[in-house]
Amino acid sequence: MWNLPVKPGDVVKFIMPPFLEWMEGQKNQQFEVIQVFEYRCVVRYLDVQNSERYLFTEKNNFEVLGES
């Protein structure tokens, strides 16, 4: 579960149902994976006013868009 195949450049969104309640409010938000570590990753918010808004969180909070 921890070693999900995300890589820099992937477009991701939060998994549903989310692990944390605040993520529910951002269920349609898309992110770009910037950097990947063993258990966590840095993602950049897409389609927001501040294009330099980032989030550092666990990789298992996301699913890659475009994959089934």
Protein backbone atom coordinates (compact mmCIF):
# COMPACT_ATOMS: atom_id res chain seq x y z
CA MET A 1 0.00 0.00 0.00
CA TRP A 2 2.85 2.42 0.71
CA ASN A 3 4.77 1.92 -2.50
CA LEU A 4 2.18 3.24 -4.92
CA PRO A 5 3.50 3.82 -8.42
CA VAL A 6 3.42 7.63 -8.47
CA LYS A 7 6.20 9.45 -10.25
CA PRO A 8 7.08 13.08 -10.89
CA GLY A 9 4.80 14.53 -13.52
CA ASP A 10 1.78 12.35 -12.69
CA VAL A 11 -1.55 14.14 -12.23
CA VAL A 12 -3.31 12.80 -9.12
CA LYS A 13 -6.33 13.44 -6.92
CA PHE A 14 -7.30 12.37 -3.40
CA ILE A 15 -8.66 8.86 -3.01
CA MET A 16 -12.29 8.52 -1.95
CA PRO A 17 -13.25 8.02 0.76
CA PRO A 18 -10.40 10.16 2.10
CA PHE A 19 -8.28 9.35 5.14
CA LEU A 20 -8.79 12.81 6.63
CA GLU A 21 -11.99 14.84 6.80
CA TRP A 22 -10.52 18.03 5.30
CA MET A 23 -9.64 16.14 2.12
CA GLU A 24 -13.35 15.60 1.39
CA GLY A 25 -13.68 19.31 0.61
CA GLN A 26 -10.95 18.97 -2.02
CA LYS A 27 -12.15 15.76 -3.66
CA ASN A 28 -12.17 17.32 -7.13
CA GLN A 29 -8.80 19.07 -6.75
CA GLN A 30 -6.02 17.88 -9.04
CA PHE A 31 -2.34 17.89 -8.17
CA GLU A 32 0.91 17.37 -10.05
CA VAL A 33 3.48 15.11 -8.39
CA ILE A 34 6.71 17.10 -8.01
CA GLN A 35 8.92 14.86 -5.87
CA VAL A 36 8.54 11.31 -4.54
CA PHE A 37 10.05 9.84 -1.38
CA GLU A 38 9.70 6.40 0.17
CA TYR A 39 6.34 7.01 1.90
CA ARG A 40 5.46 10.59 1.01
CA CYS A 41 5.40 12.96 -1.90
CA VAL A 42 5.30 16.65 -2.74
CA VAL A 43 2.43 17.69 -4.96
CA ARG A 44 1.55 21.04 -6.51
CA TYR A 45 -2.04 22.23 -6.65
CA LEU A 46 -3.32 22.60 -10.22
CA ASP A 47 -5.87 25.18 -11.38
CA VAL A 48 -5.56 27.46 -8.34
CA GLN A 49 -4.78 31.16 -8.12
CA ASN A 50 -1.45 30.57 -6.35
CA SER A 51 0.46 28.26 -8.71
CA GLU A 52 3.19 27.79 -6.07
CA ARG A 53 0.91 26.06 -3.55
CA TYR A 54 2.31 22.67 -2.48
CA LEU A 55 1.33 19.82 -0.19
CA PHE A 56 3.65 17.28 1.46
CA THR A 57 1.73 14.16 2.44
CA GLU A 58 1.59 10.38 2.25
CA LYS A 59 1.51 8.78 -1.20
CA ASN A 60 -1.40 6.54 -0.25
CA ASN A 61 -3.71 9.61 -0.11
CA PHE A 62 -3.71 9.80 -3.92
CA GLU A 63 -4.77 7.96 -7.03
CA VAL A 64 -3.26 8.64 -10.44
CA LEU A 65 -5.76 10.10 -12.89
CA GLY A 66 -6.23 8.31 -16.18
CA GLU A 67 -5.54 4.85 -14.78
CA SER A 68 -8.21 2.27 -14.08
